[in-house]
Amino acid sequence: MIDRTHTLPVARQCQLLKLARSTAYYQPRPLSDPTLALMRRIDALHLQYPFAGARMRRDLLRQDGHAIGRRHVATLMRRMGITAVYRMPRTSARHQTHRVYPYLLRHLEITRPNHVWAADITYIPMRRGFVYLCAVLDWASRRVLAWRLSNTLTTDFCLEAVQEAITRYGKPEIFNTDQGGQFTSQEFTGLLNDHGIQISMDGRGCWRDNVFVERLWKSIKYEEVYLHAYETVRAAQEGLERYLMFYNQARPHRALDGQTPDQVYCDNLPARRTAA
């Protein structure tokens, strides 16, 4: 927005754009090591107690010896993109420009691959920073079909993950997400509608509606992320790629009778029609 090479002074550009001059001169600073450690602990508490809000998290952190206030906890939670899970008042109040779709999976028997896919975003801590992970999961087999990392909570990396999954594996009948702004955006729902995919969205604050993705996050974090302090985004990319290959190809699931997601996905794909 601000063009420093323009003949018009920066102060005048800010005046025309109705921006404070401090906005033009602000240089982002990396988060401190203590703040990053707090965010990692908040993330672990979110997996363990998803219902905990800023006040409860503050008290849990104080039990660990952290001198921290509720507002600081709430600020870090917003930065991480996590909220407490509970039934909120006025759940019918929606974003004015975003349509929210009904939840289609209640009482639906899902037994075959590519019947239902799900997607979600989670926070991934690193030694000196953090990134966000978006994954597309096949509901019946628990197979991770595609994933992307991003340093911002935008829609584009979610679109890339979904487009890759559709290109490689075809399309599902139903695609389920939460009501996050990335998934209710016109770009995301438009992609699904263009492919003739039914859209399903969790009830607000109902993490159990997308429980298999929540279980995936717990496995990724406790079995990979928390064991490694990634130095760079490249290291995080390589570590997650290694783990998700293990998760799909070698890690047995009790819910799948000891089989791997790859085995269940490939063995139960419906036969494709071939040309005569």
C-alpha atoms as a PDB file:
ATOM      1  CA  MET A   1       0.000   0.000   0.000  1.00  0.00           C
ATOM      2  CA  ILE A   2       2.807   2.418   0.947  1.00  0.00           C
ATOM      3  CA  ASP A   3       5.262   3.030  -1.909  1.00  0.00           C
ATOM      4  CA  ARG A   4       8.554   4.303  -0.507  1.00  0.00           C
ATOM      5  CA  THR A   5       9.912   4.980  -4.005  1.00  0.00           C
ATOM      6  CA  HIS A   6       7.052   7.341  -4.913  1.00  0.00           C
ATOM      7  CA  THR A   7       7.679  11.093  -5.101  1.00  0.00           C
ATOM      8  CA  LEU A   8       4.797  11.638  -2.682  1.00  0.00           C
ATOM      9  CA  PRO A   9       6.150  11.671   0.905  1.00  0.00           C
ATOM     10  CA  VAL A  10       5.330   8.696   3.080  1.00  0.00           C
ATOM     11  CA  ALA A  11       3.567  10.974   5.561  1.00  0.00           C
ATOM     12  CA  ARG A  12       1.250  12.224   2.818  1.00  0.00           C
ATOM     13  CA  GLN A  13       0.580   8.677   1.570  1.00  0.00           C
ATOM     14  CA  CYS A  14      -0.426   7.681   5.102  1.00  0.00           C
ATOM     15  CA  GLN A  15      -2.696  10.724   5.318  1.00  0.00           C
ATOM     16  CA  LEU A  16      -4.443   9.823   2.054  1.00  0.00           C
ATOM     17  CA  LEU A  17      -4.848   6.201   3.121  1.00  0.00           C
ATOM     18  CA  LYS A  18      -6.003   7.232   6.605  1.00  0.00           C
ATOM     19  CA  LEU A  19      -3.218   5.237   8.232  1.00  0.00           C
ATOM     20  CA  ALA A  20      -1.127   6.183  11.236  1.00  0.00           C
ATOM     21  CA  ARG A  21       2.463   6.994  10.232  1.00  0.00           C
ATOM     22  CA  SER A  22       3.687   4.527  12.827  1.00  0.00           C
ATOM     23  CA  THR A  23       2.103   1.780  10.697  1.00  0.00           C
ATOM     24  CA  ALA A  24       4.372   2.630   7.766  1.00  0.00           C
ATOM     25  CA  TYR A  25       7.526   2.675   9.869  1.00  0.00           C
ATOM     26  CA  TYR A  26       6.774  -0.342  12.045  1.00  0.00           C
ATOM     27  CA  GLN A  27       9.278  -3.196  11.785  1.00  0.00           C
ATOM     28  CA  PRO A  28       8.019  -6.569  13.067  1.00  0.00           C
ATOM     29  CA  ARG A  29      10.075  -8.057  15.882  1.00  0.00           C
ATOM     30  CA  PRO A  30      10.513 -11.782  16.506  1.00  0.00           C
ATOM     31  CA  LEU A  31       8.820 -13.182  19.573  1.00  0.00           C
ATOM     32  CA  SER A  32      11.027 -13.734  22.589  1.00  0.00           C
ATOM     33  CA  ASP A  33      12.051 -17.221  23.713  1.00  0.00           C
ATOM     34  CA  PRO A  34       9.915 -17.041  26.903  1.00  0.00           C
ATOM     35  CA  THR A  35       6.856 -16.070  24.822  1.00  0.00           C
ATOM     36  CA  LEU A  36       7.426 -18.946  22.395  1.00  0.00           C
ATOM     37  CA  ALA A  37       7.787 -21.336  25.354  1.00  0.00           C
ATOM     38  CA  LEU A  38       4.460 -20.061  26.724  1.00  0.00           C
ATOM     39  CA  MET A  39       2.774 -20.580  23.356  1.00  0.00           C
ATOM     40  CA  ARG A  40       4.075 -24.132  23.172  1.00  0.00           C
ATOM     41  CA  ARG A  41       2.742 -24.845  26.663  1.00  0.00           C
ATOM     42  CA  ILE A  42      -0.626 -23.267  25.797  1.00  0.00           C
ATOM     43  CA  ASP A  43      -0.788 -25.512  22.727  1.00  0.00           C
ATOM     44  CA  ALA A  44      -0.135 -28.608  24.852  1.00  0.00           C
ATOM     45  CA  LEU A  45      -2.818 -27.506  27.329  1.00  0.00           C
ATOM     46  CA  HIS A  46      -5.248 -26.993  24.446  1.00  0.00           C
ATOM     47  CA  LEU A  47      -4.808 -30.612  23.367  1.00  0.00           C
ATOM     48  CA  GLN A  48      -5.273 -31.821  26.930  1.00  0.00           C
ATOM     49  CA  TYR A  49      -8.073 -29.452  27.981  1.00  0.00           C
ATOM     50  CA  PRO A  50      -9.775 -28.124  24.828  1.00  0.00           C
ATOM     51  CA  PHE A  51     -12.599 -26.645  26.920  1.00  0.00           C
ATOM     52  CA  ALA A  52     -10.257 -24.352  28.892  1.00  0.00           C
ATOM     53  CA  GLY A  53     -10.580 -20.631  28.254  1.00  0.00           C
ATOM     54  CA  ALA A  54      -8.084 -17.871  28.971  1.00  0.00           C
ATOM     55  CA  ARG A  55      -8.855 -17.785  32.701  1.00  0.00           C
ATOM     56  CA  MET A  56      -8.463 -21.520  33.236  1.00  0.00           C
ATOM     57  CA  ARG A  57      -5.319 -21.591  31.089  1.00  0.00           C
ATOM     58  CA  ARG A  58      -3.907 -18.714  33.123  1.00  0.00           C
ATOM     59  CA  ASP A  59      -4.465 -20.698  36.316  1.00  0.00           C
ATOM     60  CA  LEU A  60      -2.939 -23.841  34.781  1.00  0.00           C
ATOM     61  CA  LEU A  61       0.106 -21.854  33.664  1.00  0.00           C
ATOM     62  CA  ARG A  62       0.448 -20.348  37.135  1.00  0.00           C
ATOM     63  CA  GLN A  63       0.544 -23.880  38.538  1.00  0.00           C
ATOM     64  CA  ASP A  64       3.580 -24.375  36.297  1.00  0.00           C
ATOM     65  CA  GLY A  65       5.217 -21.295  37.810  1.00  0.00           C
ATOM     66  CA  HIS A  66       4.426 -18.774  35.048  1.00  0.00           C
ATOM     67  CA  ALA A  67       3.501 -15.294  36.259  1.00  0.00           C
ATOM     68  CA  ILE A  68       0.950 -14.403  33.610  1.00  0.00           C
ATOM     69  CA  GLY A  69      -2.391 -12.622  33.332  1.00  0.00           C
ATOM     70  CA  ARG A  70      -5.589 -13.548  31.556  1.00  0.00           C
ATOM     71  CA  ARG A  71      -5.244 -10.866  28.881  1.00  0.00           C
ATOM     72  CA  HIS A  72      -1.766 -12.042  27.947  1.00  0.00           C
ATOM     73  CA  VAL A  73      -3.040 -15.617  27.636  1.00  0.00           C
ATOM     74  CA  ALA A  74      -5.979 -14.445  25.490  1.00  0.00           C
ATOM     75  CA  THR A  75      -3.611 -12.487  23.222  1.00  0.00           C
ATOM     76  CA  LEU A  76      -1.383 -15.530  22.678  1.00  0.00           C
ATOM     77  CA  MET A  77      -4.412 -17.743  22.003  1.00  0.00           C
ATOM     78  CA  ARG A  78      -5.602 -15.320  19.309  1.00  0.00           C
ATOM     79  CA  ARG A  79      -2.131 -15.270  17.753  1.00  0.00           C
ATOM     80  CA  MET A  80      -2.133 -19.094  17.688  1.00  0.00           C
ATOM     81  CA  GLY A  81      -5.635 -19.314  16.234  1.00  0.00           C
ATOM     82  CA  ILE A  82      -7.090 -21.431  19.063  1.00  0.00           C
ATOM     83  CA  THR A  83     -10.232 -20.898  21.137  1.00  0.00           C
ATOM     84  CA  ALA A  84     -11.895 -22.704  23.992  1.00  0.00           C
ATOM     85  CA  VAL A  85     -14.361 -25.380  22.923  1.00  0.00           C
ATOM     86  CA  TYR A  86     -17.843 -24.888  24.311  1.00  0.00           C
ATOM     87  CA  ARG A  87     -21.352 -24.015  23.214  1.00  0.00           C
ATOM     88  CA  MET A  88     -21.288 -20.281  22.675  1.00  0.00           C
ATOM     89  CA  PRO A  89     -24.277 -17.901  22.912  1.00  0.00           C
ATOM     90  CA  ARG A  90     -25.848 -16.531  19.729  1.00  0.00           C
ATOM     91  CA  THR A  91     -24.472 -19.295  17.568  1.00  0.00           C
ATOM     92  CA  SER A  92     -26.761 -18.150  14.762  1.00  0.00           C
ATOM     93  CA  ALA A  93     -24.770 -14.897  14.377  1.00  0.00           C
ATOM     94  CA  ARG A  94     -22.612 -15.507  11.318  1.00  0.00           C
ATOM     95  CA  HIS A  95     -20.121 -13.559   9.254  1.00  0.00           C
ATOM     96  CA  GLN A  96     -22.162 -11.273   7.030  1.00  0.00           C
ATOM     97  CA  THR A  97     -20.467 -12.351   3.809  1.00  0.00           C
ATOM     98  CA  HIS A  98     -19.768 -16.021   4.599  1.00  0.00           C
ATOM     99  CA  ARG A  99     -22.358 -18.756   4.318  1.00  0.00           C
ATOM    100  CA  VAL A 100     -22.194 -21.510   6.951  1.00  0.00           C
ATOM    101  CA  TYR A 101     -23.300 -24.970   5.803  1.00  0.00           C
ATOM    102  CA  PRO A 102     -25.113 -27.564   7.956  1.00  0.00           C
ATOM    103  CA  TYR A 103     -23.379 -30.544   9.539  1.00  0.00           C
ATOM    104  CA  LEU A 104     -24.100 -33.591   7.352  1.00  0.00           C
ATOM    105  CA  LEU A 105     -22.291 -36.373   9.211  1.00  0.00           C
ATOM    106  CA  ARG A 106     -24.585 -36.918  12.206  1.00  0.00           C
ATOM    107  CA  HIS A 107     -25.843 -40.528  12.161  1.00  0.00           C
ATOM    108  CA  LEU A 108     -24.109 -41.067   8.785  1.00  0.00           C
ATOM    109  CA  GLU A 109     -22.299 -44.411   8.423  1.00  0.00           C
ATOM    110  CA  ILE A 110     -18.905 -43.788   6.803  1.00  0.00           C
ATOM    111  CA  THR A 111     -17.228 -47.053   5.829  1.00  0.00           C
ATOM    112  CA  ARG A 112     -15.498 -46.448   2.481  1.00  0.00           C
ATOM    113  CA  PRO A 113     -12.646 -44.216   1.284  1.00  0.00           C
ATOM    114  CA  ASN A 114     -13.490 -40.972  -0.516  1.00  0.00           C
ATOM    115  CA  HIS A 115     -16.945 -40.882   1.048  1.00  0.00           C
ATOM    116  CA  VAL A 116     -16.044 -38.069   3.458  1.00  0.00           C
ATOM    117  CA  TRP A 117     -12.929 -35.932   3.678  1.00  0.00           C
ATOM    118  CA  ALA A 118     -12.146 -33.498   6.466  1.00  0.00           C
ATOM    119  CA  ALA A 119      -9.726 -30.596   6.842  1.00  0.00           C
ATOM    120  CA  ASP A 120      -8.479 -28.444   9.690  1.00  0.00           C
ATOM    121  CA  ILE A 121      -5.634 -26.120  10.699  1.00  0.00           C
ATOM    122  CA  THR A 122      -3.348 -26.386  13.727  1.00  0.00           C
ATOM    123  CA  TYR A 123      -0.445 -24.463  15.250  1.00  0.00           C
ATOM    124  CA  ILE A 124       3.060 -25.980  14.965  1.00  0.00           C
ATOM    125  CA  PRO A 125       5.711 -24.562  17.349  1.00  0.00           C
ATOM    126  CA  MET A 126       9.366 -24.211  16.325  1.00  0.00           C
ATOM    127  CA  ARG A 127      12.448 -23.225  18.311  1.00  0.00           C
ATOM    128  CA  ARG A 128      12.202 -19.578  17.237  1.00  0.00           C
ATOM    129  CA  GLY A 129       8.747 -19.103  15.797  1.00  0.00           C
ATOM    130  CA  PHE A 130       5.763 -21.083  14.618  1.00  0.00           C
ATOM    131  CA  VAL A 131       3.855 -22.095  11.511  1.00  0.00           C
ATOM    132  CA  TYR A 132       0.376 -23.395  10.733  1.00  0.00           C
ATOM    133  CA  LEU A 133      -0.418 -26.833   9.328  1.00  0.00           C
ATOM    134  CA  CYS A 134      -3.462 -27.608   7.186  1.00  0.00           C
ATOM    135  CA  ALA A 135      -4.222 -31.270   6.469  1.00  0.00           C
ATOM    136  CA  VAL A 136      -6.852 -33.076   4.397  1.00  0.00           C
ATOM    137  CA  LEU A 137      -7.902 -36.414   5.923  1.00  0.00           C
ATOM    138  CA  ASP A 138      -9.959 -39.288   4.542  1.00  0.00           C
ATOM    139  CA  TRP A 139     -12.498 -39.998   7.297  1.00  0.00           C
ATOM    140  CA  ALA A 140     -12.933 -43.762   6.829  1.00  0.00           C
ATOM    141  CA  SER A 141      -9.244 -44.701   6.568  1.00  0.00           C
ATOM    142  CA  ARG A 142      -7.684 -41.814   8.588  1.00  0.00           C
ATOM    143  CA  ARG A 143      -5.262 -41.359   5.679  1.00  0.00           C
ATOM    144  CA  VAL A 144      -3.660 -37.918   5.281  1.00  0.00           C
ATOM    145  CA  LEU A 145      -4.228 -37.114   1.617  1.00  0.00           C
ATOM    146  CA  ALA A 146      -2.472 -33.750   1.408  1.00  0.00           C
ATOM    147  CA  TRP A 147      -1.053 -31.059   3.683  1.00  0.00           C
ATOM    148  CA  ARG A 148       0.557 -27.618   3.597  1.00  0.00           C
ATOM    149  CA  LEU A 149       2.496 -25.344   5.955  1.00  0.00           C
ATOM    150  CA  SER A 150       2.103 -21.566   6.156  1.00  0.00           C
ATOM    151  CA  ASN A 151       3.384 -18.776   8.394  1.00  0.00           C
ATOM    152  CA  THR A 152       0.028 -16.949   8.175  1.00  0.00           C
ATOM    153  CA  LEU A 153      -3.597 -17.957   8.712  1.00  0.00           C
ATOM    154  CA  THR A 154      -4.686 -17.322   5.141  1.00  0.00           C
ATOM    155  CA  THR A 155      -6.914 -19.299   2.790  1.00  0.00           C
ATOM    156  CA  ASP A 156      -4.412 -19.968   0.019  1.00  0.00           C
ATOM    157  CA  PHE A 157      -2.477 -22.816   1.681  1.00  0.00           C
ATOM    158  CA  CYS A 158      -5.765 -24.574   2.536  1.00  0.00           C
ATOM    159  CA  LEU A 159      -6.840 -24.309  -1.102  1.00  0.00           C
ATOM    160  CA  GLU A 160      -3.513 -25.755  -2.254  1.00  0.00           C
ATOM    161  CA  ALA A 161      -3.889 -28.770   0.045  1.00  0.00           C
ATOM    162  CA  VAL A 162      -7.447 -29.497  -1.109  1.00  0.00           C
ATOM    163  CA  GLN A 163      -6.568 -29.031  -4.776  1.00  0.00           C
ATOM    164  CA  GLU A 164      -3.652 -31.457  -4.456  1.00  0.00           C
ATOM    165  CA  ALA A 165      -5.864 -34.058  -2.754  1.00  0.00           C
ATOM    166  CA  ILE A 166      -8.511 -33.795  -5.487  1.00  0.00           C
ATOM    167  CA  THR A 167      -5.902 -33.959  -8.257  1.00  0.00           C
ATOM    168  CA  ARG A 168      -4.256 -37.066  -6.790  1.00  0.00           C
ATOM    169  CA  TYR A 169      -7.227 -39.006  -5.405  1.00  0.00           C
ATOM    170  CA  GLY A 170     -10.356 -37.754  -7.128  1.00  0.00           C
ATOM    171  CA  LYS A 171     -13.090 -36.095  -5.114  1.00  0.00           C
ATOM    172  CA  PRO A 172     -15.123 -37.076  -2.039  1.00  0.00           C
ATOM    173  CA  GLU A 173     -18.881 -37.004  -1.782  1.00  0.00           C
ATOM    174  CA  ILE A 174     -18.784 -34.796   1.346  1.00  0.00           C
ATOM    175  CA  PHE A 175     -16.112 -32.413   2.661  1.00  0.00           C
ATOM    176  CA  ASN A 176     -16.280 -31.497   6.369  1.00  0.00           C
ATOM    177  CA  THR A 177     -14.560 -28.561   8.105  1.00  0.00           C
ATOM    178  CA  ASP A 178     -15.083 -26.272  11.058  1.00  0.00           C
ATOM    179  CA  GLN A 179     -16.461 -22.746  10.704  1.00  0.00           C
ATOM    180  CA  GLY A 180     -13.086 -21.018  10.472  1.00  0.00           C
ATOM    181  CA  GLY A 181     -12.865 -18.054   8.132  1.00  0.00           C
ATOM    182  CA  GLN A 182     -10.546 -19.929   5.787  1.00  0.00           C
ATOM    183  CA  PHE A 183     -13.152 -22.659   5.241  1.00  0.00           C
ATOM    184  CA  THR A 184     -16.238 -20.446   5.021  1.00  0.00           C
ATOM    185  CA  SER A 185     -14.589 -18.115   2.503  1.00  0.00           C
ATOM    186  CA  GLN A 186     -16.000 -17.851  -1.004  1.00  0.00           C
ATOM    187  CA  GLU A 187     -12.708 -19.112  -2.453  1.00  0.00           C
ATOM    188  CA  PHE A 188     -12.779 -22.338  -0.409  1.00  0.00           C
ATOM    189  CA  THR A 189     -16.473 -23.174  -0.691  1.00  0.00           C
ATOM    190  CA  GLY A 190     -16.382 -22.173  -4.365  1.00  0.00           C
ATOM    191  CA  LEU A 191     -13.655 -24.744  -5.042  1.00  0.00           C
ATOM    192  CA  LEU A 192     -15.765 -27.497  -3.458  1.00  0.00           C
ATOM    193  CA  ASN A 193     -18.930 -26.394  -5.247  1.00  0.00           C
ATOM    194  CA  ASP A 194     -17.115 -26.304  -8.583  1.00  0.00           C
ATOM    195  CA  HIS A 195     -16.270 -30.006  -8.105  1.00  0.00           C
ATOM    196  CA  GLY A 196     -19.811 -30.927  -7.059  1.00  0.00           C
ATOM    197  CA  ILE A 197     -18.780 -31.794  -3.480  1.00  0.00           C
ATOM    198  CA  GLN A 198     -21.323 -31.523  -0.656  1.00  0.00           C
ATOM    199  CA  ILE A 199     -20.110 -29.151   2.068  1.00  0.00           C
ATOM    200  CA  SER A 200     -20.499 -30.004   5.758  1.00  0.00           C
ATOM    201  CA  MET A 201     -19.435 -27.802   8.689  1.00  0.00           C
ATOM    202  CA  ASP A 202     -19.125 -28.554  12.395  1.00  0.00           C
ATOM    203  CA  GLY A 203     -21.432 -26.925  14.878  1.00  0.00           C
ATOM    204  CA  ARG A 204     -19.758 -23.909  16.448  1.00  0.00           C
ATOM    205  CA  GLY A 205     -17.519 -25.020  19.310  1.00  0.00           C
ATOM    206  CA  CYS A 206     -18.197 -28.722  18.597  1.00  0.00           C
ATOM    207  CA  TRP A 207     -14.721 -30.211  18.204  1.00  0.00           C
ATOM    208  CA  ARG A 208     -16.196 -33.728  18.378  1.00  0.00           C
ATOM    209  CA  ASP A 209     -17.841 -33.149  15.002  1.00  0.00           C
ATOM    210  CA  ASN A 210     -14.354 -33.332  13.479  1.00  0.00           C
ATOM    211  CA  VAL A 211     -12.846 -35.615  16.096  1.00  0.00           C
ATOM    212  CA  PHE A 212     -10.630 -37.662  13.749  1.00  0.00           C
ATOM    213  CA  VAL A 213      -8.689 -34.571  12.697  1.00  0.00           C
ATOM    214  CA  GLU A 214      -8.306 -33.574  16.350  1.00  0.00           C
ATOM    215  CA  ARG A 215      -6.857 -37.036  17.051  1.00  0.00           C
ATOM    216  CA  LEU A 216      -4.477 -36.578  14.117  1.00  0.00           C
ATOM    217  CA  TRP A 217      -3.201 -33.315  15.628  1.00  0.00           C
ATOM    218  CA  LYS A 218      -2.560 -35.025  18.946  1.00  0.00           C
ATOM    219  CA  SER A 219      -0.599 -37.828  17.258  1.00  0.00           C
ATOM    220  CA  ILE A 220       1.468 -35.402  15.183  1.00  0.00           C
ATOM    221  CA  LYS A 221       2.351 -33.202  18.132  1.00  0.00           C
ATOM    222  CA  TYR A 222       3.112 -35.825  20.755  1.00  0.00           C
ATOM    223  CA  GLU A 223       4.868 -38.256  18.407  1.00  0.00           C
ATOM    224  CA  GLU A 224       6.783 -35.725  16.269  1.00  0.00           C
ATOM    225  CA  VAL A 225       6.524 -31.984  16.909  1.00  0.00           C
ATOM    226  CA  TYR A 226       7.103 -31.901  20.678  1.00  0.00           C
ATOM    227  CA  LEU A 227      10.085 -34.261  20.307  1.00  0.00           C
ATOM    228  CA  HIS A 228      11.878 -31.920  17.895  1.00  0.00           C
ATOM    229  CA  ALA A 229      12.582 -28.217  18.184  1.00  0.00           C
ATOM    230  CA  TYR A 230      12.530 -27.241  14.510  1.00  0.00           C
ATOM    231  CA  GLU A 231      15.069 -24.535  13.715  1.00  0.00           C
ATOM    232  CA  THR A 232      13.567 -23.504  10.376  1.00  0.00           C
ATOM    233  CA  VAL A 233      10.401 -23.887   8.326  1.00  0.00           C
ATOM    234  CA  ARG A 234      12.366 -26.233   6.048  1.00  0.00           C
ATOM    235  CA  ALA A 235      13.200 -28.444   9.031  1.00  0.00           C
ATOM    236  CA  ALA A 236       9.530 -28.455  10.050  1.00  0.00           C
ATOM    237  CA  GLN A 237       8.557 -29.386   6.484  1.00  0.00           C
ATOM    238  CA  GLU A 238      11.025 -32.266   6.403  1.00  0.00           C
ATOM    239  CA  GLY A 239      10.087 -33.520   9.873  1.00  0.00           C
ATOM    240  CA  LEU A 240       6.354 -33.493   9.164  1.00  0.00           C
ATOM    241  CA  GLU A 241       6.859 -35.105   5.769  1.00  0.00           C
ATOM    242  CA  ARG A 242       8.833 -37.913   7.406  1.00  0.00           C
ATOM    243  CA  TYR A 243       6.254 -38.403  10.159  1.00  0.00           C
ATOM    244  CA  LEU A 244       3.190 -38.304   7.901  1.00  0.00           C
ATOM    245  CA  MET A 245       4.771 -40.890   5.604  1.00  0.00           C
ATOM    246  CA  PHE A 246       5.236 -43.095   8.688  1.00  0.00           C
ATOM    247  CA  TYR A 247       1.685 -42.278   9.843  1.00  0.00           C
ATOM    248  CA  ASN A 248       0.144 -43.332   6.521  1.00  0.00           C
ATOM    249  CA  GLN A 249       2.357 -46.293   5.629  1.00  0.00           C
ATOM    250  CA  ALA A 250       3.605 -47.890   8.847  1.00  0.00           C
ATOM    251  CA  ARG A 251       1.765 -46.691  11.953  1.00  0.00           C
ATOM    252  CA  PRO A 252      -0.957 -49.212  12.953  1.00  0.00           C
ATOM    253  CA  HIS A 253      -4.282 -47.849  14.206  1.00  0.00           C
ATOM    254  CA  ARG A 254      -6.301 -49.558  16.884  1.00  0.00           C
ATOM    255  CA  ALA A 255      -9.473 -48.126  15.350  1.00  0.00           C
ATOM    256  CA  LEU A 256      -8.480 -49.841  12.078  1.00  0.00           C
ATOM    257  CA  ASP A 257      -7.839 -53.251  13.712  1.00  0.00           C
ATOM    258  CA  GLY A 258      -4.091 -52.706  13.599  1.00  0.00           C
ATOM    259  CA  GLN A 259      -3.990 -51.814   9.920  1.00  0.00           C
ATOM    260  CA  THR A 260      -2.339 -48.692   8.527  1.00  0.00           C
ATOM    261  CA  PRO A 261      -4.314 -45.884   6.867  1.00  0.00           C
ATOM    262  CA  ASP A 262      -2.729 -46.748   3.512  1.00  0.00           C
ATOM    263  CA  GLN A 263      -3.884 -50.371   3.770  1.00  0.00           C
ATOM    264  CA  VAL A 264      -7.472 -49.442   4.621  1.00  0.00           C
ATOM    265  CA  TYR A 265      -7.623 -46.707   1.983  1.00  0.00           C
ATOM    266  CA  CYS A 266      -6.204 -48.786  -0.892  1.00  0.00           C
ATOM    267  CA  ASP A 267      -7.937 -52.064  -0.029  1.00  0.00           C
ATOM    268  CA  ASN A 268     -11.399 -50.506   0.159  1.00  0.00           C
ATOM    269  CA  LEU A 269     -11.409 -48.126  -2.794  1.00  0.00           C
ATOM    270  CA  PRO A 270     -14.446 -48.742  -4.996  1.00  0.00           C
ATOM    271  CA  ALA A 271     -13.595 -50.259  -8.371  1.00  0.00           C
ATOM    272  CA  ARG A 272     -13.187 -47.631 -11.057  1.00  0.00           C
ATOM    273  CA  ARG A 273     -15.152 -47.954 -14.226  1.00  0.00           C
ATOM    274  CA  THR A 274     -13.019 -48.619 -17.281  1.00  0.00           C
ATOM    275  CA  ALA A 275     -13.827 -47.806 -20.883  1.00  0.00           C
ATOM    276  CA  ALA A 276     -15.171 -50.695 -22.938  1.00  0.00           C
END
